[in-house]
């Protein structure tokens, strides 16, 4: 079976490293799912999401000349989730799906919180350094 870029395949996780997971594809070939291609959100530890022996659906991102195959679990699930999403949008608010969106702060809220935290840290830092500087400069003369 030839592996083509863009195709979706079923595979089995054969190994996990700190940078990704190796997936055995049909035909005996092996590809790598980089840790950034495992899920839509940030993945600190790949072992929290995948385990050796898991059956996964992957999308082929690239096939190198030396035989290396780049895979993505995220993009395989993303395109499958986008097709029926129009049907799901009408039923999500009644299931409470809208609540999760309201909990996440907007960009402006995040920026305001960042500025407030930053100003607090700067004022604390200034107070600490000013008290240290005051004792040193007095004896010069």
C-alpha atoms as a PDB file:
ATOM      1  CA  UNK A   1       0.000   0.000   0.000  1.00  0.00           C
ATOM      2  CA  UNK A   2       1.486   3.320  -1.028  1.00  0.00           C
ATOM      3  CA  UNK A   3       1.266   6.129   1.494  1.00  0.00           C
ATOM      4  CA  UNK A   4       0.157   9.411  -0.035  1.00  0.00           C
ATOM      5  CA  UNK A   5       0.238  12.890   1.476  1.00  0.00           C
ATOM      6  CA  UNK A   6      -3.221  13.891   2.707  1.00  0.00           C
ATOM      7  CA  UNK A   7      -4.542  10.373   3.178  1.00  0.00           C
ATOM      8  CA  UNK A   8      -6.055   9.190   6.462  1.00  0.00           C
ATOM      9  CA  UNK A   9      -4.914   5.863   7.863  1.00  0.00           C
ATOM     10  CA  UNK A  10      -5.436   3.698  10.925  1.00  0.00           C
ATOM     11  CA  UNK A  11      -2.289   2.943  12.861  1.00  0.00           C
ATOM     12  CA  UNK A  12      -1.011   1.566  16.133  1.00  0.00           C
ATOM     13  CA  UNK A  13       1.277   3.427  18.548  1.00  0.00           C
ATOM     14  CA  UNK A  14       4.521   1.430  18.780  1.00  0.00           C
ATOM     15  CA  UNK A  15       6.697   3.850  20.714  1.00  0.00           C
ATOM     16  CA  UNK A  16       6.553   7.138  22.609  1.00  0.00           C
ATOM     17  CA  UNK A  17       9.353   9.668  23.079  1.00  0.00           C
ATOM     18  CA  UNK A  18       9.450  13.147  24.603  1.00  0.00           C
ATOM     19  CA  UNK A  19       9.082  14.677  21.117  1.00  0.00           C
ATOM     20  CA  UNK A  20       6.341  12.475  19.663  1.00  0.00           C
ATOM     21  CA  UNK A  21       4.939   9.026  19.004  1.00  0.00           C
ATOM     22  CA  UNK A  22       5.825   6.397  16.444  1.00  0.00           C
ATOM     23  CA  UNK A  23       2.870   4.875  14.614  1.00  0.00           C
ATOM     24  CA  UNK A  24       2.929   1.608  12.672  1.00  0.00           C
ATOM     25  CA  UNK A  25       0.925   2.053   9.486  1.00  0.00           C
ATOM     26  CA  UNK A  26      -0.657  -0.532   7.188  1.00  0.00           C
ATOM     27  CA  UNK A  27       2.023  -2.233   5.107  1.00  0.00           C
ATOM     28  CA  UNK A  28       4.520  -2.289   7.958  1.00  0.00           C
ATOM     29  CA  UNK A  29       5.879   1.235   7.552  1.00  0.00           C
ATOM     30  CA  UNK A  30       6.326   3.524  10.553  1.00  0.00           C
ATOM     31  CA  UNK A  31       5.686   7.252  10.813  1.00  0.00           C
ATOM     32  CA  UNK A  32       6.143   9.906  13.481  1.00  0.00           C
ATOM     33  CA  UNK A  33       3.447  12.060  15.039  1.00  0.00           C
ATOM     34  CA  UNK A  34       5.266  15.096  16.462  1.00  0.00           C
ATOM     35  CA  UNK A  35       4.047  16.192  19.909  1.00  0.00           C
ATOM     36  CA  UNK A  36       2.672  19.401  18.365  1.00  0.00           C
ATOM     37  CA  UNK A  37       0.425  17.306  16.092  1.00  0.00           C
ATOM     38  CA  UNK A  38      -1.155  15.199  18.863  1.00  0.00           C
ATOM     39  CA  UNK A  39      -3.846  17.611  20.109  1.00  0.00           C
ATOM     40  CA  UNK A  40      -5.250  21.084  19.444  1.00  0.00           C
ATOM     41  CA  UNK A  41      -4.039  22.403  22.792  1.00  0.00           C
ATOM     42  CA  UNK A  42      -0.526  22.444  24.306  1.00  0.00           C
ATOM     43  CA  UNK A  43       0.751  18.986  25.255  1.00  0.00           C
ATOM     44  CA  UNK A  44       3.356  19.007  28.008  1.00  0.00           C
ATOM     45  CA  UNK A  45       3.560  15.232  28.447  1.00  0.00           C
ATOM     46  CA  UNK A  46       2.554  13.045  25.519  1.00  0.00           C
ATOM     47  CA  UNK A  47       2.114  10.082  27.886  1.00  0.00           C
ATOM     48  CA  UNK A  48      -0.995  11.750  29.341  1.00  0.00           C
ATOM     49  CA  UNK A  49      -2.725  11.438  25.950  1.00  0.00           C
ATOM     50  CA  UNK A  50      -1.239   8.391  24.215  1.00  0.00           C
ATOM     51  CA  UNK A  51      -0.036   4.972  25.298  1.00  0.00           C
ATOM     52  CA  UNK A  52       1.785   2.230  23.409  1.00  0.00           C
ATOM     53  CA  UNK A  53      -0.737  -0.037  21.690  1.00  0.00           C
ATOM     54  CA  UNK A  54      -3.405   2.625  21.102  1.00  0.00           C
ATOM     55  CA  UNK A  55      -5.187   2.518  17.755  1.00  0.00           C
ATOM     56  CA  UNK A  56      -5.237   6.006  16.213  1.00  0.00           C
ATOM     57  CA  UNK A  57      -6.387   7.671  13.012  1.00  0.00           C
ATOM     58  CA  UNK A  58      -3.623   9.747  11.446  1.00  0.00           C
ATOM     59  CA  UNK A  59      -3.308  12.033   8.452  1.00  0.00           C
ATOM     60  CA  UNK A  60      -0.151  11.856   6.352  1.00  0.00           C
ATOM     61  CA  UNK A  61       1.520  15.293   6.317  1.00  0.00           C
ATOM     62  CA  UNK A  62       4.651  14.479   4.343  1.00  0.00           C
ATOM     63  CA  UNK A  63       6.765  11.635   3.022  1.00  0.00           C
ATOM     64  CA  UNK A  64      10.495  12.381   2.827  1.00  0.00           C
ATOM     65  CA  UNK A  65      12.829  10.960   0.213  1.00  0.00           C
ATOM     66  CA  UNK A  66      14.665   8.983   2.900  1.00  0.00           C
ATOM     67  CA  UNK A  67      11.420   7.229   3.903  1.00  0.00           C
ATOM     68  CA  UNK A  68      10.467   9.321   6.928  1.00  0.00           C
ATOM     69  CA  UNK A  69       6.714   9.823   7.235  1.00  0.00           C
ATOM     70  CA  UNK A  70       5.249  12.827   9.068  1.00  0.00           C
ATOM     71  CA  UNK A  71       1.831  12.216  10.598  1.00  0.00           C
ATOM     72  CA  UNK A  72      -0.829  14.212  12.459  1.00  0.00           C
ATOM     73  CA  UNK A  73      -3.552  12.991  14.806  1.00  0.00           C
ATOM     74  CA  UNK A  74      -4.800  16.549  15.294  1.00  0.00           C
ATOM     75  CA  UNK A  75      -5.444  17.181  11.591  1.00  0.00           C
ATOM     76  CA  UNK A  76      -7.063  13.769  11.090  1.00  0.00           C
ATOM     77  CA  UNK A  77      -9.557  14.544  13.860  1.00  0.00           C
ATOM     78  CA  UNK A  78      -9.903  18.197  12.867  1.00  0.00           C
ATOM     79  CA  UNK A  79     -11.221  17.540   9.386  1.00  0.00           C
ATOM     80  CA  UNK A  80     -13.580  14.834  10.670  1.00  0.00           C
ATOM     81  CA  UNK A  81     -14.906  17.162  13.368  1.00  0.00           C
ATOM     82  CA  UNK A  82     -15.443  20.086  10.978  1.00  0.00           C
ATOM     83  CA  UNK A  83     -17.878  18.353   8.640  1.00  0.00           C
ATOM     84  CA  UNK A  84     -20.716  17.640  11.118  1.00  0.00           C
ATOM     85  CA  UNK A  85     -20.008  20.760  13.195  1.00  0.00           C
ATOM     86  CA  UNK A  86     -22.864  22.687  11.547  1.00  0.00           C
ATOM     87  CA  UNK A  87     -25.306  20.130  12.951  1.00  0.00           C
ATOM     88  CA  UNK A  88     -23.671  20.171  16.375  1.00  0.00           C
ATOM     89  CA  UNK A  89     -23.726  23.961  16.754  1.00  0.00           C
ATOM     90  CA  UNK A  90     -27.498  24.020  17.176  1.00  0.00           C
ATOM     91  CA  UNK A  91     -27.477  21.305  19.848  1.00  0.00           C
ATOM     92  CA  UNK A  92     -24.413  22.457  21.844  1.00  0.00           C
ATOM     93  CA  UNK A  93     -25.981  25.380  23.754  1.00  0.00           C
ATOM     94  CA  UNK A  94     -28.753  23.138  25.087  1.00  0.00           C
ATOM     95  CA  UNK A  95     -26.104  20.676  26.314  1.00  0.00           C
ATOM     96  CA  UNK A  96     -24.167  23.402  28.101  1.00  0.00           C
ATOM     97  CA  UNK A  97     -21.444  23.695  25.465  1.00  0.00           C
ATOM     98  CA  UNK A  98     -21.845  27.471  25.383  1.00  0.00           C
ATOM     99  CA  UNK A  99     -20.764  27.779  29.003  1.00  0.00           C
ATOM    100  CA  UNK A 100     -17.224  26.656  28.236  1.00  0.00           C
ATOM    101  CA  UNK A 101     -16.775  29.458  25.737  1.00  0.00           C
ATOM    102  CA  UNK A 102     -17.847  32.136  28.224  1.00  0.00           C
ATOM    103  CA  UNK A 103     -15.372  30.896  30.834  1.00  0.00           C
ATOM    104  CA  UNK A 104     -12.415  31.514  28.561  1.00  0.00           C
ATOM    105  CA  UNK A 105     -11.429  35.190  28.811  1.00  0.00           C
ATOM    106  CA  UNK A 106     -11.178  37.320  25.703  1.00  0.00           C
ATOM    107  CA  UNK A 107      -7.881  38.639  24.380  1.00  0.00           C
ATOM    108  CA  UNK A 108      -8.536  42.032  25.979  1.00  0.00           C
ATOM    109  CA  UNK A 109      -9.201  40.416  29.370  1.00  0.00           C
ATOM    110  CA  UNK A 110      -5.994  38.423  29.100  1.00  0.00           C
ATOM    111  CA  UNK A 111      -4.048  41.537  28.129  1.00  0.00           C
ATOM    112  CA  UNK A 112      -5.515  43.578  31.007  1.00  0.00           C
ATOM    113  CA  UNK A 113      -4.657  40.825  33.486  1.00  0.00           C
ATOM    114  CA  UNK A 114      -1.142  40.614  32.075  1.00  0.00           C
ATOM    115  CA  UNK A 115      -0.636  44.390  32.363  1.00  0.00           C
ATOM    116  CA  UNK A 116      -1.927  44.423  35.937  1.00  0.00           C
ATOM    117  CA  UNK A 117       0.353  41.535  36.955  1.00  0.00           C
ATOM    118  CA  UNK A 118       3.286  43.136  35.167  1.00  0.00           C
ATOM    119  CA  UNK A 119       2.789  46.488  36.915  1.00  0.00           C
ATOM    120  CA  UNK A 120       2.548  44.764  40.306  1.00  0.00           C
ATOM    121  CA  UNK A 121       5.768  42.870  39.673  1.00  0.00           C
ATOM    122  CA  UNK A 122       7.573  46.008  38.513  1.00  0.00           C
ATOM    123  CA  UNK A 123       6.489  47.997  41.568  1.00  0.00           C
ATOM    124  CA  UNK A 124       7.620  45.186  43.874  1.00  0.00           C
ATOM    125  CA  UNK A 125      10.948  44.989  42.074  1.00  0.00           C
ATOM    126  CA  UNK A 126      11.433  48.777  42.278  1.00  0.00           C
ATOM    127  CA  UNK A 127      10.719  48.775  46.031  1.00  0.00           C
ATOM    128  CA  UNK A 128      13.234  46.009  46.620  1.00  0.00           C
ATOM    129  CA  UNK A 129      16.002  47.587  44.535  1.00  0.00           C
ATOM    130  CA  UNK A 130      15.457  51.112  45.920  1.00  0.00           C
ATOM    131  CA  UNK A 131      15.873  49.922  49.507  1.00  0.00           C
ATOM    132  CA  UNK A 132      19.130  48.185  48.565  1.00  0.00           C
ATOM    133  CA  UNK A 133      20.496  51.208  46.698  1.00  0.00           C
ATOM    134  CA  UNK A 134      19.766  53.635  49.525  1.00  0.00           C
ATOM    135  CA  UNK A 135      22.274  52.022  51.903  1.00  0.00           C
ATOM    136  CA  UNK A 136      25.157  51.840  49.446  1.00  0.00           C
ATOM    137  CA  UNK A 137      25.344  55.391  48.159  1.00  0.00           C
ATOM    138  CA  UNK A 138      25.332  57.170  51.543  1.00  0.00           C
ATOM    139  CA  UNK A 139      28.957  56.475  52.509  1.00  0.00           C
ATOM    140  CA  UNK A 140      30.571  57.807  49.335  1.00  0.00           C
ATOM    141  CA  UNK A 141      32.045  61.083  49.501  1.00  0.00           C
END
